[in-house]
Amino acid sequence: LASGQNKPDGLFVITPKLGPAFVEALPVRKFHGVGPATAD
């Protein structure tokens, strides 16, 4: 998830303290492993 945050030519870090909150705010459609049909 982090590698896609600052594309192109970007770097992003998600620490353990920030991880759960970062996930909570994200649309499930952006989750790796959740395809369009599953997201629907």
PDB file of all heavy atoms in Angstrom:
ATOM      1  N   LEU A   1       0.828  -1.198   0.000  1.00  0.00           N
ATOM      2  CA  LEU A   1       0.000   0.000   0.000  1.00  0.00           C
ATOM      3  C   LEU A   1       0.865   1.252   0.000  1.00  0.00           C
ATOM      4  O   LEU A   1       0.580   2.225  -0.705  1.00  0.00           O
ATOM      5  CB  LEU A   1      -0.919   0.016   1.223  1.00  0.00           C
ATOM      6  CG  LEU A   1      -2.081  -0.973   1.255  1.00  0.00           C
ATOM      7  CD1 LEU A   1      -2.874  -0.793   2.544  1.00  0.00           C
ATOM      8  CD2 LEU A   1      -3.009  -0.770   0.055  1.00  0.00           C
ATOM      9  N   ALA A   2       1.918   1.239   0.798  1.00  0.00           N
ATOM     10  CA  ALA A   2       2.768   2.418   0.947  1.00  0.00           C
ATOM     11  C   ALA A   2       3.464   2.794  -0.358  1.00  0.00           C
ATOM     12  O   ALA A   2       3.625   3.986  -0.663  1.00  0.00           O
ATOM     13  CB  ALA A   2       3.805   2.178   2.043  1.00  0.00           C
ATOM     14  N   SER A   3       3.872   1.809  -1.149  1.00  0.00           N
ATOM     15  CA  SER A   3       4.618   2.103  -2.373  1.00  0.00           C
ATOM     16  C   SER A   3       3.788   2.882  -3.385  1.00  0.00           C
ATOM     17  O   SER A   3       4.333   3.542  -4.267  1.00  0.00           O
ATOM     18  CB  SER A   3       5.148   0.820  -3.014  1.00  0.00           C
ATOM     19  OG  SER A   3       4.083   0.015  -3.492  1.00  0.00           O
ATOM     20  N   GLY A   4       2.474   2.802  -3.273  1.00  0.00           N
ATOM     21  CA  GLY A   4       1.617   3.519  -4.211  1.00  0.00           C
ATOM     22  C   GLY A   4       1.213   4.906  -3.756  1.00  0.00           C
ATOM     23  O   GLY A   4       0.541   5.634  -4.500  1.00  0.00           O
ATOM     24  N   GLN A   5       1.627   5.307  -2.569  1.00  0.00           N
ATOM     25  CA  GLN A   5       1.154   6.572  -2.009  1.00  0.00           C
ATOM     26  C   GLN A   5       1.774   7.800  -2.672  1.00  0.00           C
ATOM     27  O   GLN A   5       1.095   8.808  -2.850  1.00  0.00           O
ATOM     28  CB  GLN A   5       1.427   6.607  -0.500  1.00  0.00           C
ATOM     29  CG  GLN A   5       0.586   5.654   0.308  1.00  0.00           C
ATOM     30  CD  GLN A   5      -0.903   5.900   0.132  1.00  0.00           C
ATOM     31  OE1 GLN A   5      -1.410   6.977   0.430  1.00  0.00           O
ATOM     32  NE2 GLN A   5      -1.598   4.895  -0.369  1.00  0.00           N
ATOM     33  N   ASN A   6       3.049   7.735  -3.016  1.00  0.00           N
ATOM     34  CA  ASN A   6       3.733   8.921  -3.551  1.00  0.00           C
ATOM     35  C   ASN A   6       4.281   8.698  -4.956  1.00  0.00           C
ATOM     36  O   ASN A   6       5.316   9.233  -5.327  1.00  0.00           O
ATOM     37  CB  ASN A   6       4.877   9.337  -2.620  1.00  0.00           C
ATOM     38  CG  ASN A   6       4.366   9.982  -1.343  1.00  0.00           C
ATOM     39  OD1 ASN A   6       3.292  10.580  -1.318  1.00  0.00           O
ATOM     40  ND2 ASN A   6       5.123   9.856  -0.267  1.00  0.00           N
ATOM     41  N   LYS A   7       3.600   7.882  -5.741  1.00  0.00           N
ATOM     42  CA  LYS A   7       4.046   7.637  -7.115  1.00  0.00           C
ATOM     43  C   LYS A   7       3.812   8.875  -7.984  1.00  0.00           C
ATOM     44  O   LYS A   7       2.841   9.586  -7.777  1.00  0.00           O
ATOM     45  CB  LYS A   7       3.265   6.446  -7.707  1.00  0.00           C
ATOM     46  CG  LYS A   7       3.963   5.124  -7.481  1.00  0.00           C
ATOM     47  CD  LYS A   7       3.232   4.027  -8.222  1.00  0.00           C
ATOM     48  CE  LYS A   7       4.086   2.795  -8.335  1.00  0.00           C
ATOM     49  NZ  LYS A   7       5.222   2.926  -9.224  1.00  0.00           N
ATOM     50  N   PRO A   8       4.691   9.095  -8.991  1.00  0.00           N
ATOM     51  CA  PRO A   8       5.919   8.338  -9.261  1.00  0.00           C
ATOM     52  C   PRO A   8       7.112   8.877  -8.474  1.00  0.00           C
ATOM     53  O   PRO A   8       7.066   9.981  -7.937  1.00  0.00           O
ATOM     54  CB  PRO A   8       6.108   8.574 -10.765  1.00  0.00           C
ATOM     55  CG  PRO A   8       5.553   9.950 -10.992  1.00  0.00           C
ATOM     56  CD  PRO A   8       4.381  10.059 -10.046  1.00  0.00           C
ATOM     57  N   ASP A   9       8.176   8.088  -8.447  1.00  0.00           N
ATOM     58  CA  ASP A   9       9.452   8.477  -7.847  1.00  0.00           C
ATOM     59  C   ASP A   9       9.282   8.892  -6.384  1.00  0.00           C
ATOM     60  O   ASP A   9       9.811   9.918  -5.947  1.00  0.00           O
ATOM     61  CB  ASP A   9      10.092   9.624  -8.654  1.00  0.00           C
ATOM     62  CG  ASP A   9      11.568   9.794  -8.351  1.00  0.00           C
ATOM     63  OD1 ASP A   9      12.171   8.871  -7.767  1.00  0.00           O
ATOM     64  OD2 ASP A   9      12.119  10.866  -8.674  1.00  0.00           O
ATOM     65  N   GLY A  10       8.516   8.093  -5.635  1.00  0.00           N
ATOM     66  CA  GLY A  10       8.227   8.455  -4.252  1.00  0.00           C
ATOM     67  C   GLY A  10       8.587   7.389  -3.244  1.00  0.00           C
ATOM     68  O   GLY A  10       8.894   6.246  -3.592  1.00  0.00           O
ATOM     69  N   LEU A  11       8.545   7.793  -1.980  1.00  0.00           N
ATOM     70  CA  LEU A  11       8.820   6.890  -0.866  1.00  0.00           C
ATOM     71  C   LEU A  11       7.826   7.198   0.248  1.00  0.00           C
ATOM     72  O   LEU A  11       7.562   8.374   0.534  1.00  0.00           O
ATOM     73  CB  LEU A  11      10.251   7.088  -0.364  1.00  0.00           C
ATOM     74  CG  LEU A  11      10.684   6.322   0.892  1.00  0.00           C
ATOM     75  CD1 LEU A  11      10.689   4.820   0.623  1.00  0.00           C
ATOM     76  CD2 LEU A  11      12.070   6.778   1.334  1.00  0.00           C
ATOM     77  N   PHE A  12       7.267   6.156   0.857  1.00  0.00           N
ATOM     78  CA  PHE A  12       6.301   6.350   1.926  1.00  0.00           C
ATOM     79  C   PHE A  12       6.508   5.272   2.981  1.00  0.00           C
ATOM     80  O   PHE A  12       6.808   4.123   2.646  1.00  0.00           O
ATOM     81  CB  PHE A  12       4.877   6.275   1.380  1.00  0.00           C
ATOM     82  CG  PHE A  12       3.820   6.782   2.334  1.00  0.00           C
ATOM     83  CD1 PHE A  12       3.583   8.135   2.481  1.00  0.00           C
ATOM     84  CD2 PHE A  12       3.065   5.892   3.083  1.00  0.00           C
ATOM     85  CE1 PHE A  12       2.608   8.605   3.349  1.00  0.00           C
ATOM     86  CE2 PHE A  12       2.087   6.347   3.960  1.00  0.00           C
ATOM     87  CZ  PHE A  12       1.859   7.714   4.095  1.00  0.00           C
ATOM     88  N   VAL A  13       6.368   5.666   4.246  1.00  0.00           N
ATOM     89  CA  VAL A  13       6.606   4.762   5.362  1.00  0.00           C
ATOM     90  C   VAL A  13       5.351   4.651   6.218  1.00  0.00           C
ATOM     91  O   VAL A  13       4.717   5.666   6.538  1.00  0.00           O
ATOM     92  CB  VAL A  13       7.773   5.266   6.241  1.00  0.00           C
ATOM     93  CG1 VAL A  13       8.032   4.294   7.395  1.00  0.00           C
ATOM     94  CG2 VAL A  13       9.032   5.465   5.417  1.00  0.00           C
ATOM     95  N   ILE A  14       4.981   3.422   6.577  1.00  0.00           N
ATOM     96  CA  ILE A  14       3.866   3.181   7.506  1.00  0.00           C
ATOM     97  C   ILE A  14       4.429   2.433   8.709  1.00  0.00           C
ATOM     98  O   ILE A  14       4.830   1.278   8.608  1.00  0.00           O
ATOM     99  CB  ILE A  14       2.744   2.363   6.847  1.00  0.00           C
ATOM    100  CG1 ILE A  14       2.217   3.070   5.592  1.00  0.00           C
ATOM    101  CG2 ILE A  14       1.602   2.142   7.843  1.00  0.00           C
ATOM    102  CD1 ILE A  14       1.180   2.266   4.817  1.00  0.00           C
ATOM    103  N   THR A  15       4.478   3.101   9.849  1.00  0.00           N
ATOM    104  CA  THR A  15       5.028   2.501  11.070  1.00  0.00           C
ATOM    105  C   THR A  15       3.958   1.678  11.781  1.00  0.00           C
ATOM    106  O   THR A  15       2.762   1.813  11.488  1.00  0.00           O
ATOM    107  CB  THR A  15       5.516   3.598  12.022  1.00  0.00           C
ATOM    108  OG1 THR A  15       4.390   4.358  12.481  1.00  0.00           O
ATOM    109  CG2 THR A  15       6.503   4.530  11.331  1.00  0.00           C
ATOM    110  N   PRO A  16       4.350   0.838  12.731  1.00  0.00           N
ATOM    111  CA  PRO A  16       3.363   0.062  13.482  1.00  0.00           C
ATOM    112  C   PRO A  16       2.324   0.935  14.191  1.00  0.00           C
ATOM    113  O   PRO A  16       1.153   0.567  14.281  1.00  0.00           O
ATOM    114  CB  PRO A  16       4.216  -0.706  14.494  1.00  0.00           C
ATOM    115  CG  PRO A  16       5.525  -0.879  13.799  1.00  0.00           C
ATOM    116  CD  PRO A  16       5.731   0.408  13.044  1.00  0.00           C
ATOM    117  N   LYS A  17       2.734   2.105  14.683  1.00  0.00           N
ATOM    118  CA  LYS A  17       1.774   2.970  15.369  1.00  0.00           C
ATOM    119  C   LYS A  17       0.737   3.552  14.410  1.00  0.00           C
ATOM    120  O   LYS A  17      -0.401   3.820  14.794  1.00  0.00           O
ATOM    121  CB  LYS A  17       2.507   4.104  16.091  1.00  0.00           C
ATOM    122  CG  LYS A  17       3.234   3.647  17.361  1.00  0.00           C
ATOM    123  CD  LYS A  17       3.821   4.829  18.110  1.00  0.00           C
ATOM    124  CE  LYS A  17       4.472   4.376  19.419  1.00  0.00           C
ATOM    125  NZ  LYS A  17       5.072   5.522  20.161  1.00  0.00           N
ATOM    126  N   LEU A  18       1.145   3.745  13.142  1.00  0.00           N
ATOM    127  CA  LEU A  18       0.246   4.352  12.166  1.00  0.00           C
ATOM    128  C   LEU A  18      -0.530   3.326  11.343  1.00  0.00           C
ATOM    129  O   LEU A  18      -1.534   3.673  10.727  1.00  0.00           O
ATOM    130  CB  LEU A  18       1.044   5.250  11.218  1.00  0.00           C
ATOM    131  CG  LEU A  18       1.737   6.469  11.838  1.00  0.00           C
ATOM    132  CD1 LEU A  18       2.515   7.223  10.772  1.00  0.00           C
ATOM    133  CD2 LEU A  18       0.707   7.389  12.485  1.00  0.00           C
ATOM    134  N   GLY A  19      -0.063   2.070  11.322  1.00  0.00           N
ATOM    135  CA  GLY A  19      -0.640   1.060  10.438  1.00  0.00           C
ATOM    136  C   GLY A  19      -2.140   0.875  10.543  1.00  0.00           C
ATOM    137  O   GLY A  19      -2.866   1.040   9.556  1.00  0.00           O
ATOM    138  N   PRO A  20      -2.677   0.541  11.735  1.00  0.00           N
ATOM    139  CA  PRO A  20      -4.124   0.307  11.839  1.00  0.00           C
ATOM    140  C   PRO A  20      -4.955   1.508  11.424  1.00  0.00           C
ATOM    141  O   PRO A  20      -5.963   1.358  10.722  1.00  0.00           O
ATOM    142  CB  PRO A  20      -4.308  -0.026  13.326  1.00  0.00           C
ATOM    143  CG  PRO A  20      -2.986  -0.602  13.739  1.00  0.00           C
ATOM    144  CD  PRO A  20      -1.971   0.191  12.984  1.00  0.00           C
ATOM    145  N   ALA A  21      -4.549   2.716  11.839  1.00  0.00           N
ATOM    146  CA  ALA A  21      -5.311   3.918  11.480  1.00  0.00           C
ATOM    147  C   ALA A  21      -5.245   4.180   9.982  1.00  0.00           C
ATOM    148  O   ALA A  21      -6.232   4.615   9.373  1.00  0.00           O
ATOM    149  CB  ALA A  21      -4.767   5.123  12.253  1.00  0.00           C
ATOM    150  N   PHE A  22      -4.094   3.911   9.370  1.00  0.00           N
ATOM    151  CA  PHE A  22      -3.940   4.099   7.928  1.00  0.00           C
ATOM    152  C   PHE A  22      -4.907   3.189   7.176  1.00  0.00           C
ATOM    153  O   PHE A  22      -5.563   3.613   6.218  1.00  0.00           O
ATOM    154  CB  PHE A  22      -2.501   3.795   7.523  1.00  0.00           C
ATOM    155  CG  PHE A  22      -2.218   3.997   6.057  1.00  0.00           C
ATOM    156  CD1 PHE A  22      -1.857   5.235   5.579  1.00  0.00           C
ATOM    157  CD2 PHE A  22      -2.325   2.934   5.164  1.00  0.00           C
ATOM    158  CE1 PHE A  22      -1.597   5.425   4.223  1.00  0.00           C
ATOM    159  CE2 PHE A  22      -2.076   3.112   3.817  1.00  0.00           C
ATOM    160  CZ  PHE A  22      -1.707   4.366   3.350  1.00  0.00           C
ATOM    161  N   VAL A  23      -5.000   1.946   7.613  1.00  0.00           N
ATOM    162  CA  VAL A  23      -5.888   0.982   6.957  1.00  0.00           C
ATOM    163  C   VAL A  23      -7.346   1.386   7.128  1.00  0.00           C
ATOM    164  O   VAL A  23      -8.141   1.298   6.185  1.00  0.00           O
ATOM    165  CB  VAL A  23      -5.653  -0.432   7.526  1.00  0.00           C
ATOM    166  CG1 VAL A  23      -6.673  -1.414   6.977  1.00  0.00           C
ATOM    167  CG2 VAL A  23      -4.247  -0.914   7.186  1.00  0.00           C
ATOM    168  N   GLU A  24      -7.711   1.833   8.313  1.00  0.00           N
ATOM    169  CA  GLU A  24      -9.104   2.187   8.588  1.00  0.00           C
ATOM    170  C   GLU A  24      -9.618   3.278   7.659  1.00  0.00           C
ATOM    171  O   GLU A  24     -10.781   3.272   7.253  1.00  0.00           O
ATOM    172  CB  GLU A  24      -9.246   2.639  10.043  1.00  0.00           C
ATOM    173  CG  GLU A  24      -9.154   1.510  11.055  1.00  0.00           C
ATOM    174  CD  GLU A  24      -9.261   2.022  12.484  1.00  0.00           C
ATOM    175  OE1 GLU A  24      -9.447   3.243  12.667  1.00  0.00           O
ATOM    176  OE2 GLU A  24      -9.155   1.199  13.414  1.00  0.00           O
ATOM    177  N   ALA A  25      -8.746   4.217   7.292  1.00  0.00           N
ATOM    178  CA  ALA A  25      -9.180   5.354   6.480  1.00  0.00           C
ATOM    179  C   ALA A  25      -9.205   5.055   4.986  1.00  0.00           C
ATOM    180  O   ALA A  25      -9.749   5.832   4.198  1.00  0.00           O
ATOM    181  CB  ALA A  25      -8.262   6.547   6.742  1.00  0.00           C
ATOM    182  N   LEU A  26      -8.664   3.915   4.582  1.00  0.00           N
ATOM    183  CA  LEU A  26      -8.492   3.623   3.162  1.00  0.00           C
ATOM    184  C   LEU A  26      -9.710   2.902   2.575  1.00  0.00           C
ATOM    185  O   LEU A  26     -10.286   2.026   3.215  1.00  0.00           O
ATOM    186  CB  LEU A  26      -7.259   2.742   2.991  1.00  0.00           C
ATOM    187  CG  LEU A  26      -6.491   2.850   1.674  1.00  0.00           C
ATOM    188  CD1 LEU A  26      -5.905   4.244   1.520  1.00  0.00           C
ATOM    189  CD2 LEU A  26      -5.380   1.805   1.635  1.00  0.00           C
ATOM    190  N   PRO A  27     -10.123   3.264   1.351  1.00  0.00           N
ATOM    191  CA  PRO A  27     -11.189   2.507   0.679  1.00  0.00           C
ATOM    192  C   PRO A  27     -10.737   1.069   0.430  1.00  0.00           C
ATOM    193  O   PRO A  27      -9.574   0.836   0.065  1.00  0.00           O
ATOM    194  CB  PRO A  27     -11.383   3.256  -0.643  1.00  0.00           C
ATOM    195  CG  PRO A  27     -10.799   4.612  -0.423  1.00  0.00           C
ATOM    196  CD  PRO A  27      -9.677   4.425   0.550  1.00  0.00           C
ATOM    197  N   VAL A  28     -11.617   0.105   0.614  1.00  0.00           N
ATOM    198  CA  VAL A  28     -11.230  -1.301   0.426  1.00  0.00           C
ATOM    199  C   VAL A  28     -10.827  -1.581  -1.020  1.00  0.00           C
ATOM    200  O   VAL A  28     -10.077  -2.527  -1.283  1.00  0.00           O
ATOM    201  CB  VAL A  28     -12.364  -2.259   0.855  1.00  0.00           C
ATOM    202  CG1 VAL A  28     -12.574  -2.202   2.358  1.00  0.00           C
ATOM    203  CG2 VAL A  28     -13.654  -1.966   0.107  1.00  0.00           C
ATOM    204  N   ARG A  29     -11.287  -0.766  -1.953  1.00  0.00           N
ATOM    205  CA  ARG A  29     -10.922  -0.961  -3.360  1.00  0.00           C
ATOM    206  C   ARG A  29      -9.420  -0.779  -3.590  1.00  0.00           C
ATOM    207  O   ARG A  29      -8.884  -1.237  -4.596  1.00  0.00           O
ATOM    208  CB  ARG A  29     -11.681   0.016  -4.257  1.00  0.00           C
ATOM    209  CG  ARG A  29     -13.159  -0.307  -4.367  1.00  0.00           C
ATOM    210  CD  ARG A  29     -13.898   0.612  -5.310  1.00  0.00           C
ATOM    211  NE  ARG A  29     -15.305   0.236  -5.387  1.00  0.00           N
ATOM    212  CZ  ARG A  29     -15.787  -0.683  -6.194  1.00  0.00           C
ATOM    213  NH1 ARG A  29     -14.963  -1.315  -7.018  1.00  0.00           N
ATOM    214  NH2 ARG A  29     -17.064  -0.979  -6.206  1.00  0.00           N
ATOM    215  N   LYS A  30      -8.751  -0.117  -2.675  1.00  0.00           N
ATOM    216  CA  LYS A  30      -7.312   0.102  -2.806  1.00  0.00           C
ATOM    217  C   LYS A  30      -6.494  -0.975  -2.109  1.00  0.00           C
ATOM    218  O   LYS A  30      -5.277  -0.959  -2.145  1.00  0.00           O
ATOM    219  CB  LYS A  30      -6.931   1.480  -2.253  1.00  0.00           C
ATOM    220  CG  LYS A  30      -7.474   2.637  -3.077  1.00  0.00           C
ATOM    221  CD  LYS A  30      -6.857   3.959  -2.654  1.00  0.00           C
ATOM    222  CE  LYS A  30      -7.314   5.084  -3.565  1.00  0.00           C
ATOM    223  NZ  LYS A  30      -6.689   6.383  -3.185  1.00  0.00           N
ATOM    224  N   PHE A  31      -7.171  -1.912  -1.452  1.00  0.00           N
ATOM    225  CA  PHE A  31      -6.466  -2.975  -0.750  1.00  0.00           C
ATOM    226  C   PHE A  31      -5.905  -3.981  -1.749  1.00  0.00           C
ATOM    227  O   PHE A  31      -6.621  -4.460  -2.628  1.00  0.00           O
ATOM    228  CB  PHE A  31      -7.410  -3.724   0.202  1.00  0.00           C
ATOM    229  CG  PHE A  31      -7.732  -2.994   1.469  1.00  0.00           C
ATOM    230  CD1 PHE A  31      -7.487  -1.634   1.604  1.00  0.00           C
ATOM    231  CD2 PHE A  31      -8.294  -3.673   2.534  1.00  0.00           C
ATOM    232  CE1 PHE A  31      -7.792  -0.965   2.774  1.00  0.00           C
ATOM    233  CE2 PHE A  31      -8.607  -3.021   3.717  1.00  0.00           C
ATOM    234  CZ  PHE A  31      -8.355  -1.659   3.837  1.00  0.00           C
ATOM    235  N   HIS A  32      -4.618  -4.332  -1.581  1.00  0.00           N
ATOM    236  CA  HIS A  32      -4.055  -5.411  -2.377  1.00  0.00           C
ATOM    237  C   HIS A  32      -4.724  -6.716  -1.956  1.00  0.00           C
ATOM    238  O   HIS A  32      -4.802  -7.034  -0.775  1.00  0.00           O
ATOM    239  CB  HIS A  32      -2.547  -5.507  -2.137  1.00  0.00           C
ATOM    240  CG  HIS A  32      -1.882  -6.586  -2.906  1.00  0.00           C
ATOM    241  ND1 HIS A  32      -1.947  -6.677  -4.278  1.00  0.00           N
ATOM    242  CD2 HIS A  32      -1.129  -7.645  -2.505  1.00  0.00           C
ATOM    243  CE1 HIS A  32      -1.267  -7.725  -4.689  1.00  0.00           C
ATOM    244  NE2 HIS A  32      -0.768  -8.339  -3.638  1.00  0.00           N
ATOM    245  N   GLY A  33      -5.251  -7.455  -2.917  1.00  0.00           N
ATOM    246  CA  GLY A  33      -5.962  -8.687  -2.606  1.00  0.00           C
ATOM    247  C   GLY A  33      -7.470  -8.540  -2.657  1.00  0.00           C
ATOM    248  O   GLY A  33      -8.196  -9.526  -2.518  1.00  0.00           O
ATOM    249  N   VAL A  34      -7.943  -7.312  -2.842  1.00  0.00           N
ATOM    250  CA  VAL A  34      -9.382  -7.066  -3.008  1.00  0.00           C
ATOM    251  C   VAL A  34      -9.595  -6.587  -4.438  1.00  0.00           C
ATOM    252  O   VAL A  34      -9.338  -5.425  -4.770  1.00  0.00           O
ATOM    253  CB  VAL A  34      -9.911  -6.025  -2.001  1.00  0.00           C
ATOM    254  CG1 VAL A  34     -11.392  -5.732  -2.262  1.00  0.00           C
ATOM    255  CG2 VAL A  34      -9.713  -6.517  -0.569  1.00  0.00           C
ATOM    256  N   GLY A  35     -10.041  -7.487  -5.308  1.00  0.00           N
ATOM    257  CA  GLY A  35     -10.275  -7.137  -6.705  1.00  0.00           C
ATOM    258  C   GLY A  35     -11.597  -6.431  -6.894  1.00  0.00           C
ATOM    259  O   GLY A  35     -12.380  -6.274  -5.952  1.00  0.00           O
ATOM    260  N   PRO A  36     -11.882  -5.995  -8.123  1.00  0.00           N
ATOM    261  CA  PRO A  36     -13.122  -5.256  -8.395  1.00  0.00           C
ATOM    262  C   PRO A  36     -14.384  -6.012  -8.001  1.00  0.00           C
ATOM    263  O   PRO A  36     -15.300  -5.436  -7.420  1.00  0.00           O
ATOM    264  CB  PRO A  36     -13.061  -5.029  -9.912  1.00  0.00           C
ATOM    265  CG  PRO A  36     -11.601  -5.058 -10.237  1.00  0.00           C
ATOM    266  CD  PRO A  36     -11.007  -6.069  -9.309  1.00  0.00           C
ATOM    267  N   ALA A  37     -14.431  -7.323  -8.307  1.00  0.00           N
ATOM    268  CA  ALA A  37     -15.637  -8.091  -7.976  1.00  0.00           C
ATOM    269  C   ALA A  37     -15.826  -8.193  -6.470  1.00  0.00           C
ATOM    270  O   ALA A  37     -16.947  -8.045  -5.954  1.00  0.00           O
ATOM    271  CB  ALA A  37     -15.545  -9.493  -8.585  1.00  0.00           C
ATOM    272  N   THR A  38     -14.734  -8.441  -5.737  1.00  0.00           N
ATOM    273  CA  THR A  38     -14.823  -8.524  -4.279  1.00  0.00           C
ATOM    274  C   THR A  38     -15.189  -7.177  -3.683  1.00  0.00           C
ATOM    275  O   THR A  38     -15.986  -7.093  -2.741  1.00  0.00           O
ATOM    276  CB  THR A  38     -13.487  -9.018  -3.685  1.00  0.00           C
ATOM    277  OG1 THR A  38     -13.199 -10.309  -4.224  1.00  0.00           O
ATOM    278  CG2 THR A  38     -13.564  -9.108  -2.172  1.00  0.00           C
ATOM    279  N   ALA A  39     -14.604  -6.102  -4.229  1.00  0.00           N
ATOM    280  CA  ALA A  39     -14.928  -4.761  -3.739  1.00  0.00           C
ATOM    281  C   ALA A  39     -16.411  -4.454  -3.946  1.00  0.00           C
ATOM    282  O   ALA A  39     -17.064  -3.852  -3.078  1.00  0.00           O
ATOM    283  CB  ALA A  39     -14.066  -3.718  -4.442  1.00  0.00           C
ATOM    284  N   ASP A  40     -16.954  -4.874  -5.094  1.00  0.00           N
ATOM    285  CA  ASP A  40     -18.393  -4.671  -5.351  1.00  0.00           C
ATOM    286  C   ASP A  40     -19.232  -5.444  -4.338  1.00  0.00           C
ATOM    287  O   ASP A  40     -20.237  -4.935  -3.824  1.00  0.00           O
ATOM    288  CB  ASP A  40     -18.742  -5.113  -6.771  1.00  0.00           C
ATOM    289  CG  ASP A  40     -18.195  -4.172  -7.829  1.00  0.00           C
ATOM    290  OD1 ASP A  40     -17.853  -3.024  -7.481  1.00  0.00           O
ATOM    291  OD2 ASP A  40     -18.100  -4.590  -8.997  1.00  0.00           O
TER     292      ASP A  40
END
